[in-house]
PDB file of N, CA and C in Angstrom:
ATOM      1  N   MET A   1     -95.480 -40.417   2.191  1.00  0.00           N
ATOM      2  CA  MET A   1     -94.628 -39.523   2.963  1.00  0.00           C
ATOM      3  C   MET A   1     -94.495 -40.098   4.371  1.00  0.00           C
ATOM      4  N   SER A   2     -93.293 -40.185   4.841  1.00  0.00           N
ATOM      5  CA  SER A   2     -93.086 -40.682   6.194  1.00  0.00           C
ATOM      6  C   SER A   2     -93.111 -39.526   7.188  1.00  0.00           C
ATOM      7  N   LEU A   3     -93.553 -39.829   8.385  1.00  0.00           N
ATOM      8  CA  LEU A   3     -93.624 -38.829   9.440  1.00  0.00           C
ATOM      9  C   LEU A   3     -92.475 -39.033  10.423  1.00  0.00           C
ATOM     10  N   THR A   4     -91.970 -37.926  10.934  1.00  0.00           N
ATOM     11  CA  THR A   4     -90.899 -37.945  11.913  1.00  0.00           C
ATOM     12  C   THR A   4     -91.447 -37.500  13.259  1.00  0.00           C
ATOM     13  N   LEU A   5     -91.217 -38.290  14.294  1.00  0.00           N
ATOM     14  CA  LEU A   5     -91.643 -37.896  15.629  1.00  0.00           C
ATOM     15  C   LEU A   5     -90.891 -36.640  16.057  1.00  0.00           C
ATOM     16  N   VAL A   6     -91.609 -35.723  16.720  1.00  0.00           N
ATOM     17  CA  VAL A   6     -90.998 -34.479  17.181  1.00  0.00           C
ATOM     18  C   VAL A   6     -91.239 -34.307  18.673  1.00  0.00           C
ATOM     19  N   ASN A   7     -90.400 -33.511  19.286  1.00  0.00           N
ATOM     20  CA  ASN A   7     -90.515 -33.227  20.710  1.00  0.00           C
ATOM     21  C   ASN A   7     -91.413 -31.999  20.882  1.00  0.00           C
ATOM     22  N   SER A   8     -92.686 -32.253  21.132  1.00  0.00           N
ATOM     23  CA  SER A   8     -93.661 -31.173  21.243  1.00  0.00           C
ATOM     24  C   SER A   8     -94.821 -31.657  22.103  1.00  0.00           C
ATOM     25  N   SER A   9     -95.388 -30.750  22.884  1.00  0.00           N
ATOM     26  CA  SER A   9     -96.531 -31.136  23.709  1.00  0.00           C
ATOM     27  C   SER A   9     -97.829 -31.202  22.903  1.00  0.00           C
ATOM     28  N   SER A  10     -97.850 -30.593  21.723  1.00  0.00           N
ATOM     29  CA  SER A  10     -99.081 -30.606  20.931  1.00  0.00           C
ATOM     30  C   SER A  10     -98.960 -31.396  19.627  1.00  0.00           C
ATOM     31  N   ILE A  11     -97.787 -31.419  19.024  1.00  0.00           N
ATOM     32  CA  ILE A  11     -97.588 -32.107  17.746  1.00  0.00           C
ATOM     33  C   ILE A  11     -96.803 -33.398  17.982  1.00  0.00           C
ATOM     34  N   ARG A  12     -97.352 -34.490  17.474  1.00  0.00           N
ATOM     35  CA  ARG A  12     -96.713 -35.796  17.647  1.00  0.00           C
ATOM     36  C   ARG A  12     -95.664 -36.063  16.562  1.00  0.00           C
ATOM     37  N   ALA A  13     -96.022 -35.741  15.297  1.00  0.00           N
ATOM     38  CA  ALA A  13     -95.113 -36.055  14.190  1.00  0.00           C
ATOM     39  C   ALA A  13     -95.349 -35.093  13.031  1.00  0.00           C
ATOM     40  N   VAL A  14     -94.302 -34.942  12.212  1.00  0.00           N
ATOM     41  CA  VAL A  14     -94.339 -34.031  11.071  1.00  0.00           C
ATOM     42  C   VAL A  14     -93.732 -34.734   9.862  1.00  0.00           C
ATOM     43  N   GLY A  15     -94.309 -34.506   8.695  1.00  0.00           N
ATOM     44  CA  GLY A  15     -93.757 -35.012   7.446  1.00  0.00           C
ATOM     45  C   GLY A  15     -93.704 -33.896   6.432  1.00  0.00           C
ATOM     46  N   TYR A  16     -92.769 -34.002   5.495  1.00  0.00           N
ATOM     47  CA  TYR A  16     -92.648 -32.972   4.454  1.00  0.00           C
ATOM     48  C   TYR A  16     -92.031 -33.609   3.222  1.00  0.00           C
ATOM     49  N   ASP A  17     -92.629 -33.365   2.057  1.00  0.00           N
ATOM     50  CA  ASP A  17     -92.124 -33.954   0.815  1.00  0.00           C
ATOM     51  C   ASP A  17     -91.589 -32.914  -0.161  1.00  0.00           C
ATOM     52  N   GLY A  18     -91.364 -31.703   0.332  1.00  0.00           N
ATOM     53  CA  GLY A  18     -90.884 -30.637  -0.537  1.00  0.00           C
ATOM     54  C   GLY A  18     -92.004 -29.731  -1.019  1.00  0.00           C
ATOM     55  N   TYR A  19     -93.246 -30.151  -0.821  1.00  0.00           N
ATOM     56  CA  TYR A  19     -94.408 -29.339  -1.220  1.00  0.00           C
ATOM     57  C   TYR A  19     -95.505 -29.376  -0.160  1.00  0.00           C
ATOM     58  N   THR A  20     -95.795 -30.562   0.343  1.00  0.00           N
ATOM     59  CA  THR A  20     -96.887 -30.737   1.308  1.00  0.00           C
ATOM     60  C   THR A  20     -96.331 -31.030   2.695  1.00  0.00           C
ATOM     61  N   LEU A  21     -96.848 -30.298   3.672  1.00  0.00           N
ATOM     62  CA  LEU A  21     -96.512 -30.526   5.073  1.00  0.00           C
ATOM     63  C   LEU A  21     -97.628 -31.368   5.683  1.00  0.00           C
ATOM     64  N   ALA A  22     -97.258 -32.408   6.410  1.00  0.00           N
ATOM     65  CA  ALA A  22     -98.223 -33.259   7.110  1.00  0.00           C
ATOM     66  C   ALA A  22     -97.954 -33.154   8.602  1.00  0.00           C
ATOM     67  N   VAL A  23     -99.019 -32.976   9.372  1.00  0.00           N
ATOM     68  CA  VAL A  23     -98.877 -32.809  10.817  1.00  0.00           C
ATOM     69  C   VAL A  23     -99.844 -33.745  11.530  1.00  0.00           C
ATOM     70  N   LEU A  24     -99.329 -34.455  12.517  1.00  0.00           N
ATOM     71  CA  LEU A  24    -100.127 -35.344  13.350  1.00  0.00           C
ATOM     72  C   LEU A  24    -100.055 -34.817  14.777  1.00  0.00           C
ATOM     73  N   PHE A  25    -101.201 -34.509  15.346  1.00  0.00           N
ATOM     74  CA  PHE A  25    -101.266 -33.969  16.711  1.00  0.00           C
ATOM     75  C   PHE A  25    -101.447 -35.096  17.721  1.00  0.00           C
ATOM     76  N   HIS A  26    -101.097 -34.829  18.955  1.00  0.00           N
ATOM     77  CA  HIS A  26    -101.288 -35.818  20.021  1.00  0.00           C
ATOM     78  C   HIS A  26    -102.773 -36.093  20.272  1.00  0.00           C
ATOM     79  N   THR A  27    -103.625 -35.125  19.984  1.00  0.00           N
ATOM     80  CA  THR A  27    -105.046 -35.221  20.321  1.00  0.00           C
ATOM     81  C   THR A  27    -105.896 -35.909  19.254  1.00  0.00           C
ATOM     82  N   SER A  28    -105.290 -36.333  18.133  1.00  0.00           N
ATOM     83  CA  SER A  28    -106.070 -36.900  17.040  1.00  0.00           C
ATOM     84  C   SER A  28    -105.232 -37.903  16.263  1.00  0.00           C
ATOM     85  N   ASP A  29    -105.893 -38.823  15.591  1.00  0.00           N
ATOM     86  CA  ASP A  29    -105.205 -39.743  14.697  1.00  0.00           C
ATOM     87  C   ASP A  29    -105.287 -39.283  13.251  1.00  0.00           C
ATOM     88  N   THR A  30    -105.858 -38.104  13.028  1.00  0.00           N
ATOM     89  CA  THR A  30    -105.965 -37.525  11.700  1.00  0.00           C
ATOM     90  C   THR A  30    -104.663 -36.824  11.332  1.00  0.00           C
ATOM     91  N   ILE A  31    -104.162 -37.097  10.137  1.00  0.00           N
ATOM     92  CA  ILE A  31    -102.988 -36.390   9.633  1.00  0.00           C
ATOM     93  C   ILE A  31    -103.489 -35.203   8.819  1.00  0.00           C
ATOM     94  N   TYR A  32    -103.107 -34.021   9.247  1.00  0.00           N
ATOM     95  CA  TYR A  32    -103.517 -32.798   8.559  1.00  0.00           C
ATOM     96  C   TYR A  32    -102.468 -32.443   7.526  1.00  0.00           C
ATOM     97  N   THR A  33    -102.903 -32.270   6.277  1.00  0.00           N
ATOM     98  CA  THR A  33    -101.968 -31.953   5.202  1.00  0.00           C
ATOM     99  C   THR A  33    -102.148 -30.508   4.759  1.00  0.00           C
ATOM    100  N   HIS A  34    -101.031 -29.889   4.440  1.00  0.00           N
ATOM    101  CA  HIS A  34    -101.002 -28.485   4.027  1.00  0.00           C
ATOM    102  C   HIS A  34    -100.149 -28.375   2.773  1.00  0.00           C
ATOM    103  N   PRO A  35    -100.772 -28.352   1.575  1.00  0.00           N
ATOM    104  CA  PRO A  35    -100.001 -28.234   0.344  1.00  0.00           C
ATOM    105  C   PRO A  35     -99.455 -26.815   0.155  1.00  0.00           C
ATOM    106  N   GLY A  36     -98.352 -26.719  -0.558  1.00  0.00           N
ATOM    107  CA  GLY A  36     -97.788 -25.424  -0.915  1.00  0.00           C
ATOM    108  C   GLY A  36     -96.929 -24.784   0.156  1.00  0.00           C
ATOM    109  N   VAL A  37     -96.511 -25.554   1.140  1.00  0.00           N
ATOM    110  CA  VAL A  37     -95.691 -25.008   2.224  1.00  0.00           C
ATOM    111  C   VAL A  37     -94.238 -24.919   1.758  1.00  0.00           C
ATOM    112  N   PRO A  38     -93.650 -23.723   1.790  1.00  0.00           N
ATOM    113  CA  PRO A  38     -92.243 -23.609   1.395  1.00  0.00           C
ATOM    114  C   PRO A  38     -91.317 -24.256   2.421  1.00  0.00           C
ATOM    115  N   TYR A  39     -90.136 -24.636   1.958  1.00  0.00           N
ATOM    116  CA  TYR A  39     -89.169 -25.290   2.837  1.00  0.00           C
ATOM    117  C   TYR A  39     -88.842 -24.436   4.050  1.00  0.00           C
ATOM    118  N   SER A  40     -88.774 -23.123   3.879  1.00  0.00           N
ATOM    119  CA  SER A  40     -88.416 -22.231   4.987  1.00  0.00           C
ATOM    120  C   SER A  40     -89.425 -22.322   6.130  1.00  0.00           C
ATOM    121  N   ILE A  41     -90.698 -22.530   5.816  1.00  0.00           N
ATOM    122  CA  ILE A  41     -91.730 -22.669   6.847  1.00  0.00           C
ATOM    123  C   ILE A  41     -91.577 -24.020   7.551  1.00  0.00           C
ATOM    124  N   TYR A  42     -91.353 -25.072   6.774  1.00  0.00           N
ATOM    125  CA  TYR A  42     -91.105 -26.398   7.366  1.00  0.00           C
ATOM    126  C   TYR A  42     -89.888 -26.351   8.287  1.00  0.00           C
ATOM    127  N   GLU A  43     -88.810 -25.759   7.809  1.00  0.00           N
ATOM    128  CA  GLU A  43     -87.585 -25.664   8.604  1.00  0.00           C
ATOM    129  C   GLU A  43     -87.831 -24.869   9.887  1.00  0.00           C
ATOM    130  N   GLY A  44     -88.583 -23.787   9.780  1.00  0.00           N
ATOM    131  CA  GLY A  44     -88.925 -22.992  10.958  1.00  0.00           C
ATOM    132  C   GLY A  44     -89.710 -23.798  11.976  1.00  0.00           C
ATOM    133  N   LEU A  45     -90.642 -24.607  11.496  1.00  0.00           N
ATOM    134  CA  LEU A  45     -91.421 -25.461  12.395  1.00  0.00           C
ATOM    135  C   LEU A  45     -90.517 -26.455  13.118  1.00  0.00           C
ATOM    136  N   MET A  46     -89.635 -27.083  12.381  1.00  0.00           N
ATOM    137  CA  MET A  46     -88.772 -28.093  12.966  1.00  0.00           C
ATOM    138  C   MET A  46     -87.777 -27.509  13.971  1.00  0.00           C
ATOM    139  N   GLN A  47     -87.426 -26.240  13.811  1.00  0.00           N
ATOM    140  CA  GLN A  47     -86.466 -25.597  14.706  1.00  0.00           C
ATOM    141  C   GLN A  47     -87.128 -24.785  15.818  1.00  0.00           C
ATOM    142  N   ALA A  48     -88.441 -24.652  15.766  1.00  0.00           N
ATOM    143  CA  ALA A  48     -89.151 -23.810  16.728  1.00  0.00           C
ATOM    144  C   ALA A  48     -89.074 -24.377  18.141  1.00  0.00           C
ATOM    145  N   GLY A  49     -88.918 -23.495  19.099  1.00  0.00           N
ATOM    146  CA  GLY A  49     -88.939 -23.902  20.495  1.00  0.00           C
ATOM    147  C   GLY A  49     -90.306 -24.415  20.903  1.00  0.00           C
ATOM    148  N   SER A  50     -91.351 -23.796  20.361  1.00  0.00           N
ATOM    149  CA  SER A  50     -92.719 -24.251  20.575  1.00  0.00           C
ATOM    150  C   SER A  50     -93.344 -24.532  19.213  1.00  0.00           C
ATOM    151  N   LYS A  51     -93.392 -25.800  18.852  1.00  0.00           N
ATOM    152  CA  LYS A  51     -93.923 -26.168  17.540  1.00  0.00           C
ATOM    153  C   LYS A  51     -95.411 -25.848  17.412  1.00  0.00           C
ATOM    154  N   GLY A  52     -96.158 -26.006  18.493  1.00  0.00           N
ATOM    155  CA  GLY A  52     -97.585 -25.689  18.453  1.00  0.00           C
ATOM    156  C   GLY A  52     -97.825 -24.211  18.194  1.00  0.00           C
ATOM    157  N   THR A  53     -97.076 -23.352  18.849  1.00  0.00           N
ATOM    158  CA  THR A  53     -97.202 -21.907  18.640  1.00  0.00           C
ATOM    159  C   THR A  53     -96.810 -21.540  17.217  1.00  0.00           C
ATOM    160  N   TYR A  54     -95.715 -22.115  16.729  1.00  0.00           N
ATOM    161  CA  TYR A  54     -95.257 -21.838  15.360  1.00  0.00           C
ATOM    162  C   TYR A  54     -96.321 -22.282  14.358  1.00  0.00           C
ATOM    163  N   TYR A  55     -96.860 -23.486  14.559  1.00  0.00           N
ATOM    164  CA  TYR A  55     -97.900 -23.999  13.663  1.00  0.00           C
ATOM    165  C   TYR A  55     -99.089 -23.048  13.622  1.00  0.00           C
ATOM    166  N   ASN A  56     -99.555 -22.621  14.782  1.00  0.00           N
ATOM    167  CA  ASN A  56    -100.718 -21.735  14.833  1.00  0.00           C
ATOM    168  C   ASN A  56    -100.438 -20.379  14.198  1.00  0.00           C
ATOM    169  N   ARG A  57     -99.228 -19.884  14.336  1.00  0.00           N
ATOM    170  CA  ARG A  57     -98.880 -18.554  13.837  1.00  0.00           C
ATOM    171  C   ARG A  57     -98.585 -18.530  12.338  1.00  0.00           C
ATOM    172  N   TYR A  58     -97.903 -19.554  11.832  1.00  0.00           N
ATOM    173  CA  TYR A  58     -97.403 -19.493  10.458  1.00  0.00           C
ATOM    174  C   TYR A  58     -98.013 -20.499   9.480  1.00  0.00           C
ATOM    175  N   ILE A  59     -98.741 -21.487   9.972  1.00  0.00           N
ATOM    176  CA  ILE A  59     -99.235 -22.541   9.076  1.00  0.00           C
ATOM    177  C   ILE A  59    -100.755 -22.670   9.108  1.00  0.00           C
ATOM    178  N   ARG A  60    -101.316 -22.783  10.279  1.00  0.00           N
ATOM    179  CA  ARG A  60    -102.770 -23.013  10.430  1.00  0.00           C
ATOM    180  C   ARG A  60    -103.569 -21.933   9.707  1.00  0.00           C
ATOM    181  N   GLY A  61    -104.460 -22.359   8.834  1.00  0.00           N
ATOM    182  CA  GLY A  61    -105.333 -21.448   8.105  1.00  0.00           C
ATOM    183  C   GLY A  61    -104.679 -20.734   6.937  1.00  0.00           C
ATOM    184  N   LYS A  62    -103.362 -20.915   6.758  1.00  0.00           N
ATOM    185  CA  LYS A  62    -102.660 -20.236   5.665  1.00  0.00           C
ATOM    186  C   LYS A  62    -102.378 -21.160   4.485  1.00  0.00           C
ATOM    187  N   TYR A  63    -102.273 -22.455   4.763  1.00  0.00           N
ATOM    188  CA  TYR A  63    -102.019 -23.445   3.709  1.00  0.00           C
ATOM    189  C   TYR A  63    -103.088 -24.528   3.831  1.00  0.00           C
ATOM    190  N   LYS A  64    -103.900 -24.664   2.782  1.00  0.00           N
ATOM    191  CA  LYS A  64    -104.989 -25.654   2.834  1.00  0.00           C
ATOM    192  C   LYS A  64    -104.787 -26.637   1.739  1.00  0.00           C
TER     193      LYS A  64
END
């Protein structure tokens, strides 16, 4: 899965393959994967004004 650079102060890049969301933060070289993420959540993240806030509210701890 390729990652796309995003404009965010907390998230460096995001990848999505239709099932698994991958997130790379500025503070780590670890790619965090979240299986089972629906497209609507991925789309919301990509369109969010604050990607870090969106990630914490709708993704973190909900998809492992």
